[in-house]
Amino acid sequence: MQRIGLIYGTDTGNTEEIAYLLQEKIDWAVVEIHNIASCAPEDIAQYQTLILGIPTWDFGGIQADWEDFWPILEDMSFANKTIALYGLGDQLGYGYYFLDALGLLHDAVRDRGATVIGYYSTEGYDFEESRALTTDGRHFVGLGLDEDRQHELTEKRVDQWVRQLQKELNRKKPQTRRA
């Protein structure tokens, strides 16, 4: 079974909760969770497939632990790695900066050779601007979640994204054998 490294940063615990929800929902791979606050480059380098989780703070800021890791990230290579991203933000309170950190993280890993998968539709969101948009503005560069304003949609969005990732990674759920 494929191993996926899931690396997250969090201050409030929301991004961590989503990490464990993703681990629970991904039944077609082994998901090993790491907090970026205690990660070393070797922890990340051991995986061919990664899921990275980052919340956006205030006016488009990067979460503190990711910010501390950023200089290390900028020296890493992600060539031959497949990366999916998820981000958390507040559409109403920070609608002009919604998921900006997700966009910054996307650009950082893409510019260092990663193949990024898991772009997610912007349908059903209500925000003004975001650095996490694709060029056509129809998708985020990863799964976008708003635990402040749309918590009731989180599980549905996670389920959709997990199915999308499975398809994009061309993985199939393991078949159970009858005795």
N, C-alpha and C. Protein backbone atom coordinates (compact mmCIF):
# COMPACT_ATOMS: atom_id res chain seq x y z
N MET A 1 0.85 -1.18 0.00
CA MET A 1 0.00 0.00 0.00
C MET A 1 0.89 1.24 0.00
N GLN A 2 0.48 2.24 -0.75
CA GLN A 2 1.23 3.48 -0.87
C GLN A 2 1.30 4.22 0.46
N ARG A 3 2.44 4.86 0.71
CA ARG A 3 2.61 5.72 1.88
C ARG A 3 2.49 7.17 1.44
N ILE A 4 1.75 7.93 2.22
CA ILE A 4 1.61 9.37 1.97
C ILE A 4 2.02 10.09 3.24
N GLY A 5 2.88 11.08 3.10
CA GLY A 5 3.24 11.93 4.22
C GLY A 5 2.30 13.12 4.26
N LEU A 6 1.64 13.33 5.38
CA LEU A 6 0.76 14.47 5.55
C LEU A 6 1.41 15.41 6.56
N ILE A 7 1.79 16.57 6.08
CA ILE A 7 2.49 17.56 6.90
C ILE A 7 1.55 18.75 7.08
N TYR A 8 1.35 19.18 8.32
CA TYR A 8 0.45 20.31 8.58
C TYR A 8 1.09 21.26 9.59
N GLY A 9 0.58 22.47 9.60
CA GLY A 9 0.91 23.44 10.63
C GLY A 9 -0.40 23.98 11.18
N THR A 10 -0.43 24.29 12.47
CA THR A 10 -1.69 24.75 13.07
C THR A 10 -1.41 25.60 14.30
N ASP A 11 -2.30 26.53 14.56
CA ASP A 11 -2.28 27.29 15.81
C ASP A 11 -3.53 26.98 16.62
N THR A 12 -4.66 26.87 15.96
CA THR A 12 -5.93 26.64 16.66
C THR A 12 -6.31 25.17 16.76
N GLY A 13 -5.65 24.32 15.98
CA GLY A 13 -5.98 22.90 15.96
C GLY A 13 -6.85 22.49 14.79
N ASN A 14 -7.43 23.44 14.05
CA ASN A 14 -8.31 23.10 12.94
C ASN A 14 -7.58 22.36 11.82
N THR A 15 -6.41 22.82 11.46
CA THR A 15 -5.67 22.18 10.36
C THR A 15 -5.22 20.78 10.78
N GLU A 16 -4.91 20.60 12.05
CA GLU A 16 -4.57 19.28 12.57
C GLU A 16 -5.79 18.35 12.53
N GLU A 17 -6.94 18.86 12.92
CA GLU A 17 -8.16 18.04 12.87
C GLU A 17 -8.44 17.56 11.45
N ILE A 18 -8.23 18.43 10.48
CA ILE A 18 -8.43 18.03 9.08
C ILE A 18 -7.40 16.98 8.68
N ALA A 19 -6.18 17.08 9.19
CA ALA A 19 -5.17 16.07 8.89
C ALA A 19 -5.65 14.69 9.34
N TYR A 20 -6.18 14.60 10.53
CA TYR A 20 -6.66 13.30 11.04
C TYR A 20 -7.93 12.84 10.33
N LEU A 21 -8.76 13.79 9.91
CA LEU A 21 -9.93 13.43 9.11
C LEU A 21 -9.50 12.85 7.77
N LEU A 22 -8.52 13.47 7.15
CA LEU A 22 -7.99 12.94 5.88
C LEU A 22 -7.39 11.56 6.07
N GLN A 23 -6.64 11.37 7.15
CA GLN A 23 -6.05 10.06 7.44
C GLN A 23 -7.14 9.00 7.55
N GLU A 24 -8.22 9.35 8.22
CA GLU A 24 -9.34 8.42 8.40
C GLU A 24 -10.02 8.10 7.06
N LYS A 25 -10.19 9.10 6.21
CA LYS A 25 -10.93 8.94 4.96
C LYS A 25 -10.11 8.26 3.86
N ILE A 26 -8.82 8.40 3.89
CA ILE A 26 -7.97 7.79 2.86
C ILE A 26 -7.70 6.34 3.25
N ASP A 27 -8.51 5.45 2.70
CA ASP A 27 -8.38 4.03 3.04
C ASP A 27 -7.64 3.26 1.95
N TRP A 28 -7.09 3.94 0.98
CA TRP A 28 -6.37 3.31 -0.12
C TRP A 28 -4.87 3.56 -0.03
N ALA A 29 -4.43 4.16 1.08
CA ALA A 29 -3.01 4.42 1.31
C ALA A 29 -2.77 4.53 2.82
N VAL A 30 -1.52 4.42 3.20
CA VAL A 30 -1.13 4.64 4.59
C VAL A 30 -0.72 6.10 4.70
N VAL A 31 -1.43 6.85 5.55
CA VAL A 31 -1.15 8.27 5.72
C VAL A 31 -0.43 8.46 7.05
N GLU A 32 0.78 8.99 6.98
CA GLU A 32 1.60 9.24 8.17
C GLU A 32 1.65 10.74 8.41
N ILE A 33 1.19 11.16 9.58
CA ILE A 33 1.01 12.58 9.89
C ILE A 33 2.21 13.14 10.65
N HIS A 34 2.61 14.36 10.24
CA HIS A 34 3.71 15.08 10.88
C HIS A 34 3.31 16.54 11.05
N ASN A 35 3.62 17.12 12.20
CA ASN A 35 3.44 18.54 12.42
C ASN A 35 4.69 19.25 11.92
N ILE A 36 4.53 20.25 11.08
CA ILE A 36 5.67 20.97 10.51
C ILE A 36 6.55 21.57 11.61
N ALA A 37 5.97 21.82 12.78
CA ALA A 37 6.74 22.40 13.89
C ALA A 37 7.88 21.50 14.34
N SER A 38 7.75 20.20 14.12
CA SER A 38 8.80 19.27 14.54
C SER A 38 9.35 18.47 13.36
N CYS A 39 9.20 19.00 12.15
CA CYS A 39 9.67 18.31 10.94
C CYS A 39 11.08 18.73 10.57
N ALA A 40 11.79 17.78 10.03
CA ALA A 40 13.09 18.03 9.41
C ALA A 40 12.94 17.72 7.93
N PRO A 41 13.82 18.24 7.09
CA PRO A 41 13.73 17.95 5.66
C PRO A 41 13.69 16.46 5.35
N GLU A 42 14.39 15.65 6.15
CA GLU A 42 14.39 14.20 5.92
C GLU A 42 13.01 13.59 6.13
N ASP A 43 12.25 14.16 7.05
CA ASP A 43 10.89 13.66 7.31
C ASP A 43 10.03 13.82 6.06
N ILE A 44 10.23 14.90 5.35
CA ILE A 44 9.46 15.17 4.14
C ILE A 44 10.04 14.41 2.96
N ALA A 45 11.35 14.36 2.87
CA ALA A 45 12.02 13.74 1.71
C ALA A 45 11.73 12.25 1.58
N GLN A 46 11.35 11.59 2.65
CA GLN A 46 11.13 10.13 2.59
C GLN A 46 9.89 9.73 1.79
N TYR A 47 9.03 10.70 1.46
CA TYR A 47 7.77 10.40 0.78
C TYR A 47 7.82 10.83 -0.69
N GLN A 48 7.25 10.01 -1.55
CA GLN A 48 7.07 10.38 -2.96
C GLN A 48 5.77 11.17 -3.12
N THR A 49 4.81 10.90 -2.23
CA THR A 49 3.52 11.58 -2.27
C THR A 49 3.30 12.28 -0.94
N LEU A 50 2.92 13.54 -1.02
CA LEU A 50 2.71 14.35 0.17
C LEU A 50 1.38 15.08 0.10
N ILE A 51 0.78 15.29 1.26
CA ILE A 51 -0.33 16.22 1.43
C ILE A 51 0.16 17.26 2.42
N LEU A 52 0.07 18.52 2.05
CA LEU A 52 0.52 19.60 2.91
C LEU A 52 -0.67 20.46 3.30
N GLY A 53 -0.81 20.74 4.60
CA GLY A 53 -1.92 21.54 5.10
C GLY A 53 -1.44 22.82 5.76
N ILE A 54 -2.07 23.93 5.37
CA ILE A 54 -1.65 25.23 5.88
C ILE A 54 -2.87 26.16 6.04
N PRO A 55 -3.00 26.81 7.19
CA PRO A 55 -4.04 27.83 7.33
C PRO A 55 -3.49 29.21 6.94
N THR A 56 -4.39 30.09 6.55
CA THR A 56 -4.02 31.48 6.29
C THR A 56 -4.39 32.30 7.52
N TRP A 57 -3.48 33.15 7.93
CA TRP A 57 -3.70 33.96 9.12
C TRP A 57 -3.88 35.43 8.77
N ASP A 58 -4.85 36.04 9.40
CA ASP A 58 -5.10 37.47 9.28
C ASP A 58 -5.13 37.91 7.81
N PHE A 59 -4.27 38.82 7.47
CA PHE A 59 -4.29 39.43 6.15
C PHE A 59 -3.35 38.71 5.19
N GLY A 60 -3.61 37.41 5.02
CA GLY A 60 -2.85 36.60 4.06
C GLY A 60 -1.58 36.01 4.59
N GLY A 61 -1.41 35.97 5.91
CA GLY A 61 -0.18 35.49 6.51
C GLY A 61 -0.05 33.98 6.55
N ILE A 62 1.19 33.54 6.60
CA ILE A 62 1.52 32.13 6.71
C ILE A 62 1.52 31.76 8.19
N GLN A 63 0.98 30.61 8.51
CA GLN A 63 0.94 30.11 9.89
C GLN A 63 2.37 30.08 10.46
N ALA A 64 2.53 30.36 11.73
CA ALA A 64 3.85 30.58 12.36
C ALA A 64 4.83 29.43 12.16
N ASP A 65 4.40 28.18 12.33
CA ASP A 65 5.33 27.06 12.19
C ASP A 65 5.77 26.89 10.73
N TRP A 66 4.85 27.10 9.80
CA TRP A 66 5.23 27.07 8.38
C TRP A 66 6.19 28.22 8.09
N GLU A 67 5.93 29.38 8.66
CA GLU A 67 6.82 30.52 8.44
C GLU A 67 8.23 30.22 8.94
N ASP A 68 8.34 29.56 10.09
CA ASP A 68 9.66 29.18 10.61
C ASP A 68 10.36 28.18 9.69
N PHE A 69 9.58 27.30 9.06
CA PHE A 69 10.14 26.26 8.19
C PHE A 69 10.44 26.77 6.78
N TRP A 70 9.87 27.91 6.41
CA TRP A 70 9.95 28.42 5.03
C TRP A 70 11.37 28.50 4.48
N PRO A 71 12.37 29.03 5.22
CA PRO A 71 13.73 29.08 4.66
C PRO A 71 14.28 27.68 4.32
N ILE A 72 13.90 26.68 5.10
CA ILE A 72 14.31 25.30 4.82
C ILE A 72 13.60 24.81 3.56
N LEU A 73 12.30 25.07 3.48
CA LEU A 73 11.50 24.68 2.33
C LEU A 73 12.09 25.24 1.04
N GLU A 74 12.52 26.48 1.09
CA GLU A 74 13.07 27.13 -0.10
C GLU A 74 14.37 26.49 -0.58
N ASP A 75 15.03 25.72 0.27
CA ASP A 75 16.26 25.02 -0.12
C ASP A 75 16.01 23.57 -0.52
N MET A 76 14.77 23.12 -0.45
CA MET A 76 14.45 21.72 -0.76
C MET A 76 14.09 21.56 -2.23
N SER A 77 14.26 20.33 -2.72
CA SER A 77 13.80 19.97 -4.06
C SER A 77 12.59 19.06 -3.91
N PHE A 78 11.59 19.29 -4.74
CA PHE A 78 10.42 18.44 -4.76
C PHE A 78 10.28 17.74 -6.12
N ALA A 79 11.39 17.66 -6.84
CA ALA A 79 11.39 16.95 -8.11
C ALA A 79 10.98 15.50 -7.87
N ASN A 80 10.19 14.96 -8.76
CA ASN A 80 9.69 13.58 -8.68
C ASN A 80 8.76 13.34 -7.50
N LYS A 81 8.20 14.39 -6.95
CA LYS A 81 7.24 14.26 -5.85
C LYS A 81 5.87 14.75 -6.33
N THR A 82 4.84 14.07 -5.85
CA THR A 82 3.47 14.47 -6.13
C THR A 82 2.90 15.04 -4.84
N ILE A 83 2.37 16.24 -4.92
CA ILE A 83 1.91 16.94 -3.73
C ILE A 83 0.48 17.44 -3.92
N ALA A 84 -0.35 17.19 -2.93
CA ALA A 84 -1.69 17.75 -2.84
C ALA A 84 -1.70 18.70 -1.64
N LEU A 85 -2.48 19.75 -1.73
CA LEU A 85 -2.49 20.78 -0.71
C LEU A 85 -3.90 21.03 -0.20
N TYR A 86 -4.00 21.34 1.08
CA TYR A 86 -5.26 21.84 1.60
C TYR A 86 -4.97 23.05 2.48
N GLY A 87 -5.93 23.97 2.50
CA GLY A 87 -5.74 25.19 3.27
C GLY A 87 -7.03 25.59 3.96
N LEU A 88 -6.87 26.30 5.06
CA LEU A 88 -8.01 26.81 5.81
C LEU A 88 -7.96 28.33 5.82
N GLY A 89 -9.14 28.93 5.79
CA GLY A 89 -9.23 30.38 5.83
C GLY A 89 -10.63 30.81 6.23
N ASP A 90 -10.83 32.10 6.30
CA ASP A 90 -12.10 32.69 6.70
C ASP A 90 -12.57 33.60 5.56
N GLN A 91 -13.62 33.14 4.85
CA GLN A 91 -14.11 33.88 3.68
C GLN A 91 -14.70 35.23 4.03
N LEU A 92 -15.38 35.32 5.15
CA LEU A 92 -16.07 36.56 5.50
C LEU A 92 -15.13 37.55 6.18
N GLY A 93 -14.44 37.10 7.20
CA GLY A 93 -13.57 38.00 7.95
C GLY A 93 -12.35 38.45 7.17
N TYR A 94 -11.86 37.60 6.27
CA TYR A 94 -10.65 37.91 5.50
C TYR A 94 -10.87 37.55 4.03
N GLY A 95 -11.98 38.03 3.49
CA GLY A 95 -12.38 37.69 2.12
C GLY A 95 -11.44 38.15 1.03
N TYR A 96 -10.59 39.13 1.33
CA TYR A 96 -9.62 39.60 0.34
C TYR A 96 -8.31 38.81 0.41
N TYR A 97 -8.21 37.91 1.38
CA TYR A 97 -6.97 37.15 1.59
C TYR A 97 -7.27 35.66 1.74
N PHE A 98 -8.45 35.23 1.32
CA PHE A 98 -8.90 33.86 1.55
C PHE A 98 -7.92 32.86 0.95
N LEU A 99 -7.37 32.01 1.79
CA LEU A 99 -6.46 30.92 1.40
C LEU A 99 -5.15 31.39 0.77
N ASP A 100 -4.75 32.62 1.04
CA ASP A 100 -3.50 33.12 0.45
C ASP A 100 -2.30 32.24 0.78
N ALA A 101 -2.21 31.75 2.01
CA ALA A 101 -1.07 30.90 2.38
C ALA A 101 -1.04 29.63 1.54
N LEU A 102 -2.20 29.10 1.20
CA LEU A 102 -2.28 27.93 0.33
C LEU A 102 -1.64 28.24 -1.02
N GLY A 103 -1.95 29.40 -1.57
CA GLY A 103 -1.34 29.81 -2.84
C GLY A 103 0.16 29.98 -2.74
N LEU A 104 0.63 30.54 -1.64
CA LEU A 104 2.07 30.71 -1.45
C LEU A 104 2.78 29.36 -1.34
N LEU A 105 2.18 28.43 -0.60
CA LEU A 105 2.78 27.10 -0.45
C LEU A 105 2.77 26.36 -1.80
N HIS A 106 1.69 26.48 -2.53
CA HIS A 106 1.61 25.88 -3.86
C HIS A 106 2.77 26.36 -4.74
N ASP A 107 2.94 27.67 -4.81
CA ASP A 107 3.99 28.22 -5.66
C ASP A 107 5.37 27.76 -5.21
N ALA A 108 5.58 27.68 -3.91
CA ALA A 108 6.89 27.27 -3.38
C ALA A 108 7.23 25.84 -3.78
N VAL A 109 6.28 24.90 -3.65
CA VAL A 109 6.60 23.51 -3.99
C VAL A 109 6.62 23.30 -5.50
N ARG A 110 5.72 23.96 -6.22
CA ARG A 110 5.71 23.85 -7.69
C ARG A 110 7.02 24.39 -8.26
N ASP A 111 7.48 25.52 -7.76
CA ASP A 111 8.71 26.11 -8.27
C ASP A 111 9.94 25.28 -7.94
N ARG A 112 9.79 24.32 -7.04
CA ARG A 112 10.90 23.44 -6.66
C ARG A 112 10.70 22.03 -7.23
N GLY A 113 9.88 21.93 -8.28
CA GLY A 113 9.78 20.71 -9.05
C GLY A 113 8.62 19.78 -8.78
N ALA A 114 7.75 20.08 -7.84
CA ALA A 114 6.64 19.19 -7.49
C ALA A 114 5.60 19.13 -8.61
N THR A 115 4.98 17.98 -8.73
CA THR A 115 3.76 17.84 -9.51
C THR A 115 2.62 18.03 -8.52
N VAL A 116 1.83 19.07 -8.71
CA VAL A 116 0.76 19.38 -7.77
C VAL A 116 -0.56 18.86 -8.34
N ILE A 117 -1.28 18.13 -7.49
CA ILE A 117 -2.59 17.59 -7.85
C ILE A 117 -3.62 18.09 -6.85
N GLY A 118 -4.89 17.79 -7.10
CA GLY A 118 -5.92 18.07 -6.12
C GLY A 118 -6.51 19.46 -6.20
N TYR A 119 -6.43 20.12 -7.36
CA TYR A 119 -7.07 21.42 -7.49
C TYR A 119 -8.57 21.24 -7.24
N TYR A 120 -9.18 22.20 -6.56
CA TYR A 120 -10.55 22.04 -6.10
C TYR A 120 -11.42 23.21 -6.55
N SER A 121 -12.62 22.94 -6.99
CA SER A 121 -13.53 23.96 -7.52
C SER A 121 -13.83 25.05 -6.49
N THR A 122 -13.99 26.28 -6.99
CA THR A 122 -14.35 27.41 -6.14
C THR A 122 -15.86 27.53 -5.97
N GLU A 123 -16.60 26.65 -6.61
CA GLU A 123 -18.06 26.69 -6.52
C GLU A 123 -18.51 26.51 -5.06
N GLY A 124 -19.41 27.38 -4.61
CA GLY A 124 -19.94 27.28 -3.26
C GLY A 124 -19.19 28.11 -2.22
N TYR A 125 -18.18 28.85 -2.66
CA TYR A 125 -17.43 29.71 -1.75
C TYR A 125 -17.83 31.16 -2.03
N ASP A 126 -17.65 32.05 -1.05
CA ASP A 126 -18.00 33.45 -1.20
C ASP A 126 -16.88 34.29 -0.60
N PHE A 127 -15.98 34.74 -1.46
CA PHE A 127 -14.81 35.51 -1.03
C PHE A 127 -14.52 36.56 -2.10
N GLU A 128 -13.66 37.50 -1.78
CA GLU A 128 -13.34 38.58 -2.72
C GLU A 128 -12.12 38.26 -3.58
N GLU A 129 -11.03 37.83 -2.95
CA GLU A 129 -9.79 37.56 -3.67
C GLU A 129 -9.05 36.42 -2.99
N SER A 130 -8.13 35.80 -3.75
CA SER A 130 -7.31 34.74 -3.19
C SER A 130 -6.08 34.52 -4.05
N ARG A 131 -4.95 34.32 -3.40
CA ARG A 131 -3.72 33.97 -4.11
C ARG A 131 -3.68 32.48 -4.43
N ALA A 132 -4.72 31.75 -3.98
CA ALA A 132 -4.77 30.31 -4.18
C ALA A 132 -5.60 29.91 -5.40
N LEU A 133 -5.90 30.85 -6.27
CA LEU A 133 -6.71 30.55 -7.44
C LEU A 133 -5.85 30.14 -8.64
N THR A 134 -6.42 29.25 -9.46
CA THR A 134 -5.79 28.94 -10.74
C THR A 134 -5.96 30.16 -11.64
N THR A 135 -5.26 30.18 -12.74
CA THR A 135 -5.29 31.32 -13.65
C THR A 135 -6.70 31.68 -14.09
N ASP A 136 -7.53 30.67 -14.35
CA ASP A 136 -8.90 30.95 -14.80
C ASP A 136 -9.85 31.30 -13.65
N GLY A 137 -9.39 31.19 -12.41
CA GLY A 137 -10.20 31.55 -11.25
C GLY A 137 -11.28 30.55 -10.90
N ARG A 138 -11.31 29.40 -11.54
CA ARG A 138 -12.37 28.43 -11.32
C ARG A 138 -12.01 27.37 -10.27
N HIS A 139 -10.74 27.31 -9.89
CA HIS A 139 -10.29 26.31 -8.93
C HIS A 139 -9.30 26.94 -7.95
N PHE A 140 -9.28 26.36 -6.77
CA PHE A 140 -8.19 26.63 -5.83
C PHE A 140 -7.07 25.65 -6.17
N VAL A 141 -5.86 25.97 -5.77
CA VAL A 141 -4.72 25.09 -6.04
C VAL A 141 -4.66 23.92 -5.06
N GLY A 142 -5.70 23.72 -4.31
CA GLY A 142 -5.85 22.61 -3.37
C GLY A 142 -7.24 22.71 -2.75
N LEU A 143 -7.49 21.86 -1.78
CA LEU A 143 -8.78 21.89 -1.09
C LEU A 143 -8.84 23.10 -0.18
N GLY A 144 -9.88 23.90 -0.33
CA GLY A 144 -10.09 25.06 0.53
C GLY A 144 -11.19 24.78 1.53
N LEU A 145 -10.91 25.06 2.78
CA LEU A 145 -11.90 24.84 3.84
C LEU A 145 -12.05 26.11 4.68
N ASP A 146 -13.27 26.34 5.13
CA ASP A 146 -13.57 27.47 6.00
C ASP A 146 -14.30 26.94 7.23
N GLU A 147 -13.56 26.65 8.27
CA GLU A 147 -14.13 26.11 9.50
C GLU A 147 -14.90 27.16 10.28
N ASP A 148 -14.71 28.44 9.95
CA ASP A 148 -15.43 29.51 10.63
C ASP A 148 -16.82 29.73 10.06
N ARG A 149 -16.95 29.69 8.75
CA ARG A 149 -18.21 30.05 8.10
C ARG A 149 -18.93 28.88 7.42
N GLN A 150 -18.18 27.82 7.07
CA GLN A 150 -18.80 26.71 6.33
C GLN A 150 -18.39 25.35 6.91
N HIS A 151 -18.33 25.27 8.21
CA HIS A 151 -17.93 24.03 8.87
C HIS A 151 -18.81 22.85 8.43
N GLU A 152 -20.09 23.12 8.21
CA GLU A 152 -21.02 22.05 7.86
C GLU A 152 -20.70 21.43 6.49
N LEU A 153 -19.88 22.08 5.68
CA LEU A 153 -19.51 21.55 4.37
C LEU A 153 -18.17 20.81 4.37
N THR A 154 -17.46 20.85 5.48
CA THR A 154 -16.12 20.30 5.53
C THR A 154 -16.07 18.82 5.18
N GLU A 155 -16.87 18.01 5.83
CA GLU A 155 -16.78 16.56 5.59
C GLU A 155 -17.13 16.21 4.14
N LYS A 156 -18.14 16.85 3.60
CA LYS A 156 -18.51 16.60 2.20
C LYS A 156 -17.36 16.98 1.27
N ARG A 157 -16.75 18.14 1.51
CA ARG A 157 -15.63 18.58 0.67
C ARG A 157 -14.44 17.64 0.81
N VAL A 158 -14.15 17.21 2.02
CA VAL A 158 -13.05 16.27 2.24
C VAL A 158 -13.32 14.97 1.51
N ASP A 159 -14.53 14.44 1.61
CA ASP A 159 -14.88 13.20 0.91
C ASP A 159 -14.68 13.35 -0.60
N GLN A 160 -15.17 14.45 -1.16
CA GLN A 160 -15.00 14.68 -2.61
C GLN A 160 -13.53 14.75 -2.99
N TRP A 161 -12.76 15.45 -2.19
CA TRP A 161 -11.34 15.64 -2.49
C TRP A 161 -10.57 14.34 -2.38
N VAL A 162 -10.89 13.54 -1.38
CA VAL A 162 -10.21 12.24 -1.22
C VAL A 162 -10.47 11.36 -2.45
N ARG A 163 -11.71 11.33 -2.92
CA ARG A 163 -12.02 10.56 -4.14
C ARG A 163 -11.26 11.12 -5.34
N GLN A 164 -11.18 12.43 -5.41
CA GLN A 164 -10.44 13.08 -6.50
C GLN A 164 -8.96 12.71 -6.44
N LEU A 165 -8.37 12.76 -5.25
CA LEU A 165 -6.95 12.40 -5.11
C LEU A 165 -6.71 10.96 -5.51
N GLN A 166 -7.59 10.07 -5.07
CA GLN A 166 -7.44 8.66 -5.42
C GLN A 166 -7.43 8.49 -6.93
N LYS A 167 -8.33 9.16 -7.59
CA LYS A 167 -8.40 9.08 -9.05
C LYS A 167 -7.14 9.67 -9.68
N GLU A 168 -6.73 10.84 -9.20
CA GLU A 168 -5.56 11.51 -9.76
C GLU A 168 -4.28 10.71 -9.53
N LEU A 169 -4.21 10.04 -8.42
CA LEU A 169 -3.04 9.21 -8.13
C LEU A 169 -3.15 7.84 -8.80
N ASN A 170 -4.32 7.61 -9.45
CA ASN A 170 -4.55 6.36 -10.18
C ASN A 170 -4.45 5.16 -9.25
N ARG A 171 -5.00 5.33 -8.06
CA ARG A 171 -4.99 4.25 -7.07
C ARG A 171 -6.40 3.71 -6.94
N LYS A 172 -6.48 2.46 -6.64
CA LYS A 172 -7.76 1.84 -6.41
C LYS A 172 -7.84 1.35 -4.98
N LYS A 173 -9.03 1.37 -4.45
CA LYS A 173 -9.29 0.85 -3.12
C LYS A 173 -8.95 -0.63 -3.10
N PRO A 174 -8.29 -1.13 -2.07
CA PRO A 174 -7.99 -2.56 -2.03
C PRO A 174 -9.27 -3.39 -1.96
N GLN A 175 -9.30 -4.45 -2.73
CA GLN A 175 -10.46 -5.35 -2.74
C GLN A 175 -10.39 -6.26 -1.52
N THR A 176 -11.53 -6.48 -0.90
CA THR A 176 -11.59 -7.41 0.21
C THR A 176 -11.92 -8.79 -0.33
N ARG A 177 -11.30 -9.79 0.20
CA ARG A 177 -11.51 -11.16 -0.25
C ARG A 177 -12.57 -11.82 0.60
N ARG A 178 -13.35 -12.63 -0.04
CA ARG A 178 -14.32 -13.42 0.70
C ARG A 178 -13.66 -14.72 1.12
N ALA A 179 -14.00 -15.17 2.31
CA ALA A 179 -13.41 -16.43 2.81
C ALA A 179 -14.14 -17.62 2.25
